[in-house]
C-alpha cells in the first residue's frame, strides 16, 4: 500500500515538473519571436510607416493626375481649386523640396499632353501659379544682415483683421484681403467704389534662412517676416 502511494506521489511530481518546463519553454519562445535588436524595431516601424505614407501619396497623385488629364481632354477649364486640392498643406509638409517637386510634376503633366492640350494646361497652370506663388502685385524686398533675413511685403489697402500668416519649415502661407478702389464716371460727377479682393500666397523660405525661426510683424500696410540667418556650415533641409 505504501509502495502504491509512493509511486503516485512520484507520478504527480513528474507531471508538475514537465508542465513547468513546457511553460517556461513556451514563454521563452514567445519572447524570442517578439523581441529583436532594440534599435531595429523602431527602424522597421519607421520604414513601414514611410512606405505606407509614400504609397498613399502616390495613389492620391495618380487620381489627381487622371482627373486633370480628363478635364483638359474634354476641354473643361482647370480652376484654382483644381490645383489647390492637391497642392495643399499635406503636399508641402510631406516633401523635402516641395517647390522643386511641384515643377517636376508640372513638366510630367505637360509632357503627357498633345500640343493643343499642352497649351491649354500650361495656360491654366501659369494663371494658378501667378495667383498663388507670385507677388508681382505687391512691392517685395528681402533684406539681409549678418544675423537675419527679412521678407518685407507692402500690401496697399491691407485689411489687417483678415491677415493670416503660417510659417513652416517648408513654406510661408499668407492669406489676406486688400481694398481696391475704382472710380466710375457718371453724368454730373463720378462715383468712387471700394471692393475687397482676397489672396492666398504660398512662398518658399529664403535659401539662407534658418527653418523654425520665422517671426511676423505688421506695420500698417507693411508685413515683415524675419528669420535667423542660417549658419554657412548648415546644409539647407532637403539637400
C-alpha atoms as a PDB file:
ATOM      1  CA  UNK A   1       0.000   0.000   0.000  1.00  0.00           C
ATOM      2  CA  UNK A   2       2.828   2.340   0.931  1.00  0.00           C
ATOM      3  CA  UNK A   3       4.501   1.413  -2.324  1.00  0.00           C
ATOM      4  CA  UNK A   4       1.428   2.446  -4.324  1.00  0.00           C
ATOM      5  CA  UNK A   5       1.278   5.818  -2.550  1.00  0.00           C
ATOM      6  CA  UNK A   6       4.958   6.372  -3.226  1.00  0.00           C
ATOM      7  CA  UNK A   7       4.579   5.723  -6.937  1.00  0.00           C
ATOM      8  CA  UNK A   8       1.527   8.015  -7.058  1.00  0.00           C
ATOM      9  CA  UNK A   9       3.487  10.874  -5.459  1.00  0.00           C
ATOM     10  CA  UNK A  10       6.388  10.328  -7.849  1.00  0.00           C
ATOM     11  CA  UNK A  11       3.972  10.448 -10.839  1.00  0.00           C
ATOM     12  CA  UNK A  12       2.367  13.709  -9.672  1.00  0.00           C
ATOM     13  CA  UNK A  13       5.757  15.390  -9.106  1.00  0.00           C
ATOM     14  CA  UNK A  14       6.953  14.269 -12.529  1.00  0.00           C
ATOM     15  CA  UNK A  15       3.860  15.695 -14.237  1.00  0.00           C
ATOM     16  CA  UNK A  16       4.249  19.019 -12.416  1.00  0.00           C
ATOM     17  CA  UNK A  17       7.922  19.227 -13.368  1.00  0.00           C
ATOM     18  CA  UNK A  18       7.207  18.532 -17.051  1.00  0.00           C
ATOM     19  CA  UNK A  19       4.357  21.059 -17.110  1.00  0.00           C
ATOM     20  CA  UNK A  20       6.520  23.784 -15.623  1.00  0.00           C
ATOM     21  CA  UNK A  21       9.311  23.046 -18.105  1.00  0.00           C
ATOM     22  CA  UNK A  22       6.882  23.345 -21.036  1.00  0.00           C
ATOM     23  CA  UNK A  23       5.518  26.640 -19.684  1.00  0.00           C
ATOM     24  CA  UNK A  24       8.995  28.112 -19.355  1.00  0.00           C
ATOM     25  CA  UNK A  25       9.970  26.960 -22.855  1.00  0.00           C
ATOM     26  CA  UNK A  26       6.821  28.453 -24.432  1.00  0.00           C
ATOM     27  CA  UNK A  27       7.382  31.728 -22.622  1.00  0.00           C
ATOM     28  CA  UNK A  28      10.961  31.927 -23.863  1.00  0.00           C
ATOM     29  CA  UNK A  29       9.915  31.084 -27.423  1.00  0.00           C
ATOM     30  CA  UNK A  30       7.215  33.774 -27.421  1.00  0.00           C
ATOM     31  CA  UNK A  31       9.668  36.321 -26.074  1.00  0.00           C
ATOM     32  CA  UNK A  32      12.124  35.328 -28.807  1.00  0.00           C
ATOM     33  CA  UNK A  33       9.522  35.876 -31.530  1.00  0.00           C
ATOM     34  CA  UNK A  34       8.504  39.308 -30.266  1.00  0.00           C
ATOM     35  CA  UNK A  35      11.963  40.530 -29.426  1.00  0.00           C
ATOM     36  CA  UNK A  36      14.661  41.692 -31.751  1.00  0.00           C
ATOM     37  CA  UNK A  37      17.573  44.058 -31.734  1.00  0.00           C
ATOM     38  CA  UNK A  38      16.309  47.048 -29.687  1.00  0.00           C
ATOM     39  CA  UNK A  39      17.407  49.579 -32.296  1.00  0.00           C
ATOM     40  CA  UNK A  40      15.956  47.578 -35.182  1.00  0.00           C
ATOM     41  CA  UNK A  41      12.281  47.582 -34.201  1.00  0.00           C
ATOM     42  CA  UNK A  42      11.808  51.408 -34.303  1.00  0.00           C
ATOM     43  CA  UNK A  43      13.704  51.472 -37.604  1.00  0.00           C
ATOM     44  CA  UNK A  44      11.398  48.854 -39.126  1.00  0.00           C
ATOM     45  CA  UNK A  45       8.328  50.667 -37.805  1.00  0.00           C
ATOM     46  CA  UNK A  46       9.537  53.975 -39.240  1.00  0.00           C
ATOM     47  CA  UNK A  47      10.307  52.389 -42.620  1.00  0.00           C
ATOM     48  CA  UNK A  48       6.903  50.704 -42.842  1.00  0.00           C
ATOM     49  CA  UNK A  49       5.166  53.956 -41.893  1.00  0.00           C
ATOM     50  CA  UNK A  50       7.140  55.869 -44.523  1.00  0.00           C
ATOM     51  CA  UNK A  51       6.326  53.249 -47.174  1.00  0.00           C
ATOM     52  CA  UNK A  52       2.611  53.419 -46.373  1.00  0.00           C
ATOM     53  CA  UNK A  53       2.676  57.232 -46.490  1.00  0.00           C
ATOM     54  CA  UNK A  54       4.506  57.153 -49.829  1.00  0.00           C
ATOM     55  CA  UNK A  55       2.012  54.666 -51.274  1.00  0.00           C
ATOM     56  CA  UNK A  56      -0.919  56.821 -50.117  1.00  0.00           C
ATOM     57  CA  UNK A  57       0.628  59.973 -51.611  1.00  0.00           C
ATOM     58  CA  UNK A  58       1.365  58.197 -54.885  1.00  0.00           C
ATOM     59  CA  UNK A  59      -2.214  56.916 -55.089  1.00  0.00           C
ATOM     60  CA  UNK A  60      -3.518  60.427 -54.404  1.00  0.00           C
ATOM     61  CA  UNK A  61      -1.258  61.854 -57.108  1.00  0.00           C
ATOM     62  CA  UNK A  62      -2.378  59.265 -59.661  1.00  0.00           C
ATOM     63  CA  UNK A  63      -6.049  60.085 -59.015  1.00  0.00           C
ATOM     64  CA  UNK A  64      -5.411  63.820 -59.272  1.00  0.00           C
ATOM     65  CA  UNK A  65      -3.337  63.476 -62.464  1.00  0.00           C
ATOM     66  CA  UNK A  66      -6.041  61.323 -64.088  1.00  0.00           C
ATOM     67  CA  UNK A  67      -8.692  63.927 -63.216  1.00  0.00           C
ATOM     68  CA  UNK A  68      -6.588  66.773 -64.646  1.00  0.00           C
ATOM     69  CA  UNK A  69      -5.956  64.867 -67.883  1.00  0.00           C
ATOM     70  CA  UNK A  70      -9.634  64.000 -68.198  1.00  0.00           C
ATOM     71  CA  UNK A  71     -10.739  67.625 -67.713  1.00  0.00           C
ATOM     72  CA  UNK A  72      -8.221  69.012 -70.192  1.00  0.00           C
ATOM     73  CA  UNK A  73      -9.024  66.231 -72.653  1.00  0.00           C
ATOM     74  CA  UNK A  74     -12.710  67.174 -72.800  1.00  0.00           C
ATOM     75  CA  UNK A  75     -11.982  70.898 -72.858  1.00  0.00           C
ATOM     76  CA  UNK A  76     -13.137  71.672 -69.320  1.00  0.00           C
ATOM     77  CA  UNK A  77     -11.251  74.557 -67.662  1.00  0.00           C
ATOM     78  CA  UNK A  78      -8.907  73.954 -64.736  1.00  0.00           C
ATOM     79  CA  UNK A  79      -9.812  76.316 -61.913  1.00  0.00           C
ATOM     80  CA  UNK A  80      -7.725  77.371 -58.931  1.00  0.00           C
ATOM     81  CA  UNK A  81      -9.456  74.835 -56.691  1.00  0.00           C
ATOM     82  CA  UNK A  82      -8.461  72.021 -59.088  1.00  0.00           C
ATOM     83  CA  UNK A  83      -4.808  72.761 -58.271  1.00  0.00           C
ATOM     84  CA  UNK A  84      -5.341  73.715 -54.624  1.00  0.00           C
ATOM     85  CA  UNK A  85      -6.909  70.359 -53.809  1.00  0.00           C
ATOM     86  CA  UNK A  86      -3.580  68.606 -54.465  1.00  0.00           C
ATOM     87  CA  UNK A  87      -1.003  71.301 -53.713  1.00  0.00           C
ATOM     88  CA  UNK A  88      -2.244  71.708 -50.159  1.00  0.00           C
ATOM     89  CA  UNK A  89      -0.593  71.707 -46.734  1.00  0.00           C
ATOM     90  CA  UNK A  90      -0.183  67.936 -46.836  1.00  0.00           C
ATOM     91  CA  UNK A  91       1.780  68.224 -50.077  1.00  0.00           C
ATOM     92  CA  UNK A  92       4.121  70.887 -48.714  1.00  0.00           C
ATOM     93  CA  UNK A  93       4.668  69.180 -45.352  1.00  0.00           C
ATOM     94  CA  UNK A  94       5.363  65.803 -46.948  1.00  0.00           C
ATOM     95  CA  UNK A  95       8.156  66.858 -49.304  1.00  0.00           C
ATOM     96  CA  UNK A  96      11.769  67.746 -48.591  1.00  0.00           C
ATOM     97  CA  UNK A  97      11.837  70.130 -51.577  1.00  0.00           C
ATOM     98  CA  UNK A  98       8.153  70.864 -52.344  1.00  0.00           C
ATOM     99  CA  UNK A  99       8.734  73.646 -54.892  1.00  0.00           C
ATOM    100  CA  UNK A 100      11.195  71.543 -56.881  1.00  0.00           C
ATOM    101  CA  UNK A 101       8.724  68.636 -56.743  1.00  0.00           C
ATOM    102  CA  UNK A 102       5.962  70.945 -57.962  1.00  0.00           C
ATOM    103  CA  UNK A 103       7.999  71.891 -61.035  1.00  0.00           C
ATOM    104  CA  UNK A 104       8.751  68.214 -61.730  1.00  0.00           C
ATOM    105  CA  UNK A 105       5.025  67.438 -61.621  1.00  0.00           C
ATOM    106  CA  UNK A 106       4.275  70.325 -63.991  1.00  0.00           C
ATOM    107  CA  UNK A 107       6.788  69.043 -66.544  1.00  0.00           C
ATOM    108  CA  UNK A 108       5.477  65.497 -66.221  1.00  0.00           C
ATOM    109  CA  UNK A 109       1.868  66.530 -66.796  1.00  0.00           C
ATOM    110  CA  UNK A 110       2.609  68.994 -69.576  1.00  0.00           C
ATOM    111  CA  UNK A 111       4.791  66.487 -71.424  1.00  0.00           C
ATOM    112  CA  UNK A 112       1.986  63.928 -71.414  1.00  0.00           C
ATOM    113  CA  UNK A 113      -0.368  66.075 -73.500  1.00  0.00           C
ATOM    114  CA  UNK A 114      -0.574  66.665 -77.228  1.00  0.00           C
ATOM    115  CA  UNK A 115       0.297  70.158 -78.486  1.00  0.00           C
ATOM    116  CA  UNK A 116      -3.167  71.745 -78.240  1.00  0.00           C
ATOM    117  CA  UNK A 117      -3.923  70.224 -74.837  1.00  0.00           C
ATOM    118  CA  UNK A 118      -0.449  71.152 -73.586  1.00  0.00           C
ATOM    119  CA  UNK A 119      -1.062  74.807 -74.441  1.00  0.00           C
ATOM    120  CA  UNK A 120      -4.337  74.698 -72.511  1.00  0.00           C
ATOM    121  CA  UNK A 121      -2.768  73.030 -69.476  1.00  0.00           C
ATOM    122  CA  UNK A 122       0.234  75.379 -69.421  1.00  0.00           C
ATOM    123  CA  UNK A 123      -2.102  78.366 -69.560  1.00  0.00           C
ATOM    124  CA  UNK A 124      -4.190  77.138 -66.635  1.00  0.00           C
ATOM    125  CA  UNK A 125      -1.052  76.283 -64.638  1.00  0.00           C
ATOM    126  CA  UNK A 126       0.560  79.684 -65.273  1.00  0.00           C
ATOM    127  CA  UNK A 127      -2.608  81.503 -64.209  1.00  0.00           C
ATOM    128  CA  UNK A 128      -2.860  79.496 -60.983  1.00  0.00           C
ATOM    129  CA  UNK A 129       0.867  79.788 -60.267  1.00  0.00           C
ATOM    130  CA  UNK A 130       0.710  83.569 -60.742  1.00  0.00           C
ATOM    131  CA  UNK A 131      -2.183  83.800 -58.292  1.00  0.00           C
ATOM    132  CA  UNK A 132      -0.710  81.510 -55.654  1.00  0.00           C
ATOM    133  CA  UNK A 133       3.077  81.811 -55.814  1.00  0.00           C
ATOM    134  CA  UNK A 134       3.996  85.219 -57.189  1.00  0.00           C
ATOM    135  CA  UNK A 135       3.893  88.623 -55.547  1.00  0.00           C
ATOM    136  CA  UNK A 136       4.040  90.766 -58.674  1.00  0.00           C
ATOM    137  CA  UNK A 137       1.121  92.913 -57.499  1.00  0.00           C
ATOM    138  CA  UNK A 138       2.910  93.892 -54.300  1.00  0.00           C
ATOM    139  CA  UNK A 139       6.221  95.535 -53.522  1.00  0.00           C
ATOM    140  CA  UNK A 140       8.522  92.917 -52.004  1.00  0.00           C
ATOM    141  CA  UNK A 141      12.016  93.225 -50.583  1.00  0.00           C
ATOM    142  CA  UNK A 142      14.386  90.745 -48.982  1.00  0.00           C
ATOM    143  CA  UNK A 143      16.756  92.396 -46.513  1.00  0.00           C
ATOM    144  CA  UNK A 144      19.801  90.578 -45.159  1.00  0.00           C
ATOM    145  CA  UNK A 145      22.169  91.215 -42.286  1.00  0.00           C
ATOM    146  CA  UNK A 146      24.833  89.002 -40.760  1.00  0.00           C
ATOM    147  CA  UNK A 147      22.252  87.677 -38.279  1.00  0.00           C
ATOM    148  CA  UNK A 148      18.889  87.600 -40.041  1.00  0.00           C
ATOM    149  CA  UNK A 149      16.885  87.570 -43.283  1.00  0.00           C
ATOM    150  CA  UNK A 150      13.679  89.611 -43.562  1.00  0.00           C
ATOM    151  CA  UNK A 151      10.973  89.420 -46.222  1.00  0.00           C
ATOM    152  CA  UNK A 152       9.179  92.776 -46.400  1.00  0.00           C
ATOM    153  CA  UNK A 153       5.842  92.853 -48.234  1.00  0.00           C
ATOM    154  CA  UNK A 154       3.843  96.049 -48.871  1.00  0.00           C
ATOM    155  CA  UNK A 155       0.109  95.444 -49.393  1.00  0.00           C
ATOM    156  CA  UNK A 156      -1.874  98.596 -50.288  1.00  0.00           C
ATOM    157  CA  UNK A 157      -5.324  98.555 -48.683  1.00  0.00           C
ATOM    158  CA  UNK A 158      -4.466  95.609 -46.411  1.00  0.00           C
ATOM    159  CA  UNK A 159      -7.321  94.526 -44.169  1.00  0.00           C
ATOM    160  CA  UNK A 160      -5.272  93.537 -41.126  1.00  0.00           C
ATOM    161  CA  UNK A 161      -8.094  91.591 -39.466  1.00  0.00           C
ATOM    162  CA  UNK A 162      -8.125  89.193 -42.429  1.00  0.00           C
ATOM    163  CA  UNK A 163      -4.355  88.640 -42.398  1.00  0.00           C
ATOM    164  CA  UNK A 164      -3.245  85.123 -41.536  1.00  0.00           C
ATOM    165  CA  UNK A 165       0.382  84.038 -41.915  1.00  0.00           C
ATOM    166  CA  UNK A 166       1.523  80.470 -41.314  1.00  0.00           C
ATOM    167  CA  UNK A 167       5.239  79.675 -41.491  1.00  0.00           C
ATOM    168  CA  UNK A 168       6.508  76.089 -41.515  1.00  0.00           C
ATOM    169  CA  UNK A 169       9.895  74.551 -42.280  1.00  0.00           C
ATOM    170  CA  UNK A 170       8.833  74.123 -45.925  1.00  0.00           C
ATOM    171  CA  UNK A 171       6.841  77.213 -46.899  1.00  0.00           C
ATOM    172  CA  UNK A 172       5.206  80.528 -45.995  1.00  0.00           C
ATOM    173  CA  UNK A 173       1.419  80.765 -46.471  1.00  0.00           C
ATOM    174  CA  UNK A 174      -0.164  84.229 -46.454  1.00  0.00           C
ATOM    175  CA  UNK A 175      -3.946  84.742 -46.551  1.00  0.00           C
ATOM    176  CA  UNK A 176      -5.355  88.275 -46.644  1.00  0.00           C
ATOM    177  CA  UNK A 177      -7.814  90.711 -48.210  1.00  0.00           C
ATOM    178  CA  UNK A 178      -6.897  94.082 -49.702  1.00  0.00           C
ATOM    179  CA  UNK A 179      -9.052  97.071 -50.573  1.00  0.00           C
ATOM    180  CA  UNK A 180      -9.214  98.129 -54.205  1.00  0.00           C
ATOM    181  CA  UNK A 181     -10.611 101.488 -55.233  1.00  0.00           C
ATOM    182  CA  UNK A 182     -12.097 102.455 -58.572  1.00  0.00           C
ATOM    183  CA  UNK A 183     -13.936 105.453 -59.921  1.00  0.00           C
ATOM    184  CA  UNK A 184     -16.916 105.316 -62.245  1.00  0.00           C
ATOM    185  CA  UNK A 185     -17.716 108.461 -64.193  1.00  0.00           C
ATOM    186  CA  UNK A 186     -21.380 109.382 -64.415  1.00  0.00           C
ATOM    187  CA  UNK A 187     -23.271 112.348 -65.804  1.00  0.00           C
ATOM    188  CA  UNK A 188     -22.749 115.197 -63.414  1.00  0.00           C
ATOM    189  CA  UNK A 189     -19.915 113.615 -61.484  1.00  0.00           C
ATOM    190  CA  UNK A 190     -18.132 110.425 -60.520  1.00  0.00           C
ATOM    191  CA  UNK A 191     -18.787 107.637 -58.076  1.00  0.00           C
ATOM    192  CA  UNK A 192     -15.939 106.113 -56.106  1.00  0.00           C
ATOM    193  CA  UNK A 193     -16.190 102.376 -55.447  1.00  0.00           C
ATOM    194  CA  UNK A 194     -14.259 100.256 -52.989  1.00  0.00           C
ATOM    195  CA  UNK A 195     -14.108  96.476 -53.053  1.00  0.00           C
ATOM    196  CA  UNK A 196     -12.040  93.879 -51.227  1.00  0.00           C
ATOM    197  CA  UNK A 197     -10.116  91.177 -53.033  1.00  0.00           C
ATOM    198  CA  UNK A 198      -8.927  88.015 -51.285  1.00  0.00           C
ATOM    199  CA  UNK A 199      -5.487  86.497 -51.806  1.00  0.00           C
ATOM    200  CA  UNK A 200      -3.726  83.265 -50.876  1.00  0.00           C
ATOM    201  CA  UNK A 201       0.045  83.254 -51.443  1.00  0.00           C
ATOM    202  CA  UNK A 202       2.468  80.370 -50.897  1.00  0.00           C
ATOM    203  CA  UNK A 203       6.167  81.210 -50.836  1.00  0.00           C
ATOM    204  CA  UNK A 204       9.392  79.273 -50.303  1.00  0.00           C
ATOM    205  CA  UNK A 205      11.617  80.167 -47.379  1.00  0.00           C
ATOM    206  CA  UNK A 206      14.716  82.211 -48.269  1.00  0.00           C
ATOM    207  CA  UNK A 207      17.501  79.732 -49.013  1.00  0.00           C
ATOM    208  CA  UNK A 208      19.748  81.208 -46.335  1.00  0.00           C
ATOM    209  CA  UNK A 209      17.111  81.335 -43.595  1.00  0.00           C
ATOM    210  CA  UNK A 210      17.007  79.003 -40.598  1.00  0.00           C
ATOM    211  CA  UNK A 211      13.749  76.991 -40.578  1.00  0.00           C
ATOM    212  CA  UNK A 212      11.667  77.315 -37.439  1.00  0.00           C
ATOM    213  CA  UNK A 213      12.802  80.869 -36.650  1.00  0.00           C
ATOM    214  CA  UNK A 214      10.223  82.914 -38.586  1.00  0.00           C
ATOM    215  CA  UNK A 215       8.658  85.869 -36.730  1.00  0.00           C
ATOM    216  CA  UNK A 216       5.878  88.068 -38.155  1.00  0.00           C
ATOM    217  CA  UNK A 217       5.489  91.814 -37.617  1.00  0.00           C
ATOM    218  CA  UNK A 218       2.774  94.019 -39.159  1.00  0.00           C
ATOM    219  CA  UNK A 219       3.288  97.767 -39.542  1.00  0.00           C
ATOM    220  CA  UNK A 220       0.215  99.254 -41.222  1.00  0.00           C
ATOM    221  CA  UNK A 221       0.259  98.037 -44.823  1.00  0.00           C
ATOM    222  CA  UNK A 222       3.715  96.503 -44.463  1.00  0.00           C
ATOM    223  CA  UNK A 223       4.213  92.867 -43.402  1.00  0.00           C
ATOM    224  CA  UNK A 224       7.627  91.659 -42.275  1.00  0.00           C
ATOM    225  CA  UNK A 225       8.694  88.053 -41.777  1.00  0.00           C
ATOM    226  CA  UNK A 226      12.104  87.787 -40.121  1.00  0.00           C
ATOM    227  CA  UNK A 227      14.260  84.636 -39.956  1.00  0.00           C
ATOM    228  CA  UNK A 228      17.554  83.927 -38.292  1.00  0.00           C
ATOM    229  CA  UNK A 229      20.353  83.639 -40.835  1.00  0.00           C
ATOM    230  CA  UNK A 230      21.372  80.039 -41.449  1.00  0.00           C
ATOM    231  CA  UNK A 231      24.940  79.292 -40.492  1.00  0.00           C
ATOM    232  CA  UNK A 232      27.246  78.772 -43.518  1.00  0.00           C
ATOM    233  CA  UNK A 233      28.119  75.213 -42.478  1.00  0.00           C
ATOM    234  CA  UNK A 234      24.470  74.185 -42.003  1.00  0.00           C
ATOM    235  CA  UNK A 235      23.055  72.482 -45.093  1.00  0.00           C
ATOM    236  CA  UNK A 236      19.505  73.540 -46.072  1.00  0.00           C
ATOM    237  CA  UNK A 237      16.773  70.978 -45.500  1.00  0.00           C
ATOM    238  CA  UNK A 238      16.403  68.512 -48.331  1.00  0.00           C
ATOM    239  CA  UNK A 239      19.954  68.902 -49.672  1.00  0.00           C
END
